[in-house]
Amino acid sequence: MKRMVYLAYQASSVQGAGCLRAIDYATEEEVWDQAYNEKDYAVKRSAVNKVHCDYVFGRMMKWSCEWHRDTIFFLTHNFVRDYQSFCKKYPGNESLAKAAIELLGIDALVED
């Protein structure tokens, strides 16, 4: 999950006033902490097993997913460049997941 968030972050562009909060060289752990703990808000609103990436260090991502045991549920579909600028590189959840799996050295993506 962390790797997917980080890849989407790296492929996202800074939007509008996001330039005031932009961090160009955030680590995977920093990006995960910012997204998972919803630090763009005063209080974390999502469940423990959910990550919501709204603005992460100035980059508009508007992407969410949750997980249970061995299953990931993507809550954001039909990416739009105005909101998910990372879709230029990763046009869908499957391409983002496959890139993360490949970088982690896992052999297969299981589909139902």
Protein backbone atom coordinates (compact mmCIF):
# COMPACT_ATOMS: atom_id res chain seq x y z
CA MET A 1 0.00 0.00 0.00
CA LYS A 2 2.76 2.41 0.95
CA ARG A 3 4.52 1.87 -2.34
CA MET A 4 1.35 2.58 -4.33
CA VAL A 5 0.82 5.84 -2.45
CA TYR A 6 4.45 6.82 -2.96
CA LEU A 7 4.42 6.05 -6.69
CA ALA A 8 1.23 8.06 -7.15
CA TYR A 9 2.78 10.92 -5.13
CA GLN A 10 5.94 10.90 -7.23
CA ALA A 11 3.92 11.00 -10.45
CA SER A 12 1.60 13.78 -9.19
CA SER A 13 2.12 17.44 -9.90
CA VAL A 14 1.84 20.37 -7.52
CA GLN A 15 -1.48 22.18 -8.05
CA GLY A 16 -2.30 25.84 -7.32
CA ALA A 17 -1.70 26.89 -3.72
CA GLY A 18 -0.14 23.48 -3.14
CA CYS A 19 3.16 25.13 -4.03
CA LEU A 20 3.10 26.62 -0.52
CA ARG A 21 3.25 23.12 1.03
CA ALA A 22 5.21 21.31 -1.66
CA ILE A 23 8.07 19.06 -0.62
CA ASP A 24 9.94 17.70 -3.61
CA TYR A 25 12.09 15.13 -1.84
CA ALA A 26 9.77 13.48 0.67
CA THR A 27 10.59 9.88 1.53
CA GLU A 28 8.16 7.01 1.16
CA GLU A 29 7.64 6.98 4.95
CA GLU A 30 6.97 10.73 5.07
CA VAL A 31 4.47 10.50 2.22
CA TRP A 32 2.72 7.54 3.88
CA ASP A 33 2.55 9.33 7.23
CA GLN A 34 1.12 12.46 5.61
CA ALA A 35 -1.50 10.51 3.62
CA TYR A 36 -2.45 7.78 6.10
CA ASN A 37 -2.74 10.13 9.07
CA GLU A 38 -4.53 12.72 6.93
CA LYS A 39 -2.28 15.52 8.10
CA ASP A 40 -4.00 17.92 5.71
CA TYR A 41 -6.85 17.91 8.23
CA ALA A 42 -7.03 18.70 11.94
CA VAL A 43 -8.43 15.24 12.75
CA LYS A 44 -7.99 11.87 11.02
CA ARG A 45 -11.40 10.96 9.63
CA SER A 46 -10.74 7.62 7.95
CA ALA A 47 -10.75 4.14 9.39
CA VAL A 48 -7.56 2.43 10.51
CA ASN A 49 -7.45 0.25 7.40
CA LYS A 50 -7.98 3.08 4.93
CA VAL A 51 -5.75 5.68 3.31
CA HIS A 52 -7.12 8.85 1.76
CA CYS A 53 -4.76 10.98 -0.29
CA ASP A 54 -6.30 14.38 -0.83
CA TYR A 55 -3.40 16.81 -0.97
CA VAL A 56 -0.11 15.25 0.04
CA PHE A 57 2.67 17.80 0.46
CA GLY A 58 1.00 20.11 -2.03
CA ARG A 59 0.28 17.47 -4.65
CA MET A 60 -3.39 16.90 -5.45
CA MET A 61 -4.01 13.15 -5.52
CA LYS A 62 -7.70 12.60 -4.63
CA TRP A 63 -7.21 8.84 -4.28
CA SER A 64 -8.44 6.43 -1.61
CA CYS A 65 -8.34 2.74 -0.85
CA GLU A 66 -8.91 0.40 2.05
CA TRP A 67 -7.70 -3.08 2.82
CA HIS A 68 -8.78 -6.13 4.78
CA ARG A 69 -6.45 -9.08 5.27
CA ASP A 70 -5.42 -9.99 1.72
CA THR A 71 -7.74 -7.71 -0.23
CA ILE A 72 -7.41 -4.11 -1.39
CA PHE A 73 -10.53 -2.14 -2.27
CA PHE A 74 -9.93 0.85 -4.51
CA LEU A 75 -12.36 3.64 -3.66
CA THR A 76 -11.24 5.94 -6.46
CA HIS A 77 -11.89 4.94 -10.07
CA ASN A 78 -11.94 6.70 -13.43
CA PHE A 79 -8.96 8.97 -12.87
CA VAL A 80 -9.15 12.53 -14.20
CA ARG A 81 -5.97 14.55 -14.84
CA ASP A 82 -7.36 17.61 -13.07
CA TYR A 83 -7.61 15.63 -9.82
CA GLN A 84 -5.31 12.63 -10.23
CA SER A 85 -2.40 14.06 -12.19
CA PHE A 86 -0.53 10.81 -11.62
CA CYS A 87 -2.90 9.19 -14.16
CA LYS A 88 -0.57 10.41 -16.90
CA LYS A 89 1.85 7.73 -15.74
CA TYR A 90 -0.63 5.34 -14.07
CA PRO A 91 -3.96 5.50 -15.95
CA GLY A 92 -5.75 3.19 -13.51
CA ASN A 93 -5.52 1.36 -10.21
CA GLU A 94 -4.29 -1.78 -11.93
CA SER A 95 -1.27 -0.04 -13.50
CA LEU A 96 -0.43 1.60 -10.17
CA ALA A 97 -0.72 -1.73 -8.31
CA LYS A 98 1.35 -3.56 -10.92
CA ALA A 99 4.13 -0.95 -10.73
CA ALA A 100 4.24 -1.23 -6.93
CA ILE A 101 4.22 -5.03 -7.05
CA GLU A 102 7.02 -5.06 -9.60
CA LEU A 103 9.18 -2.71 -7.51
CA LEU A 104 8.57 -4.84 -4.43
CA GLY A 105 9.65 -7.96 -6.32
CA ILE A 106 6.37 -9.82 -5.89
CA ASP A 107 5.68 -12.34 -8.65
CA ALA A 108 1.96 -12.01 -9.36
CA LEU A 109 -1.13 -9.89 -9.02
CA VAL A 110 -4.09 -12.05 -8.02
CA GLU A 111 -7.40 -11.14 -9.62
CA ASP A 112 -10.88 -12.54 -8.94
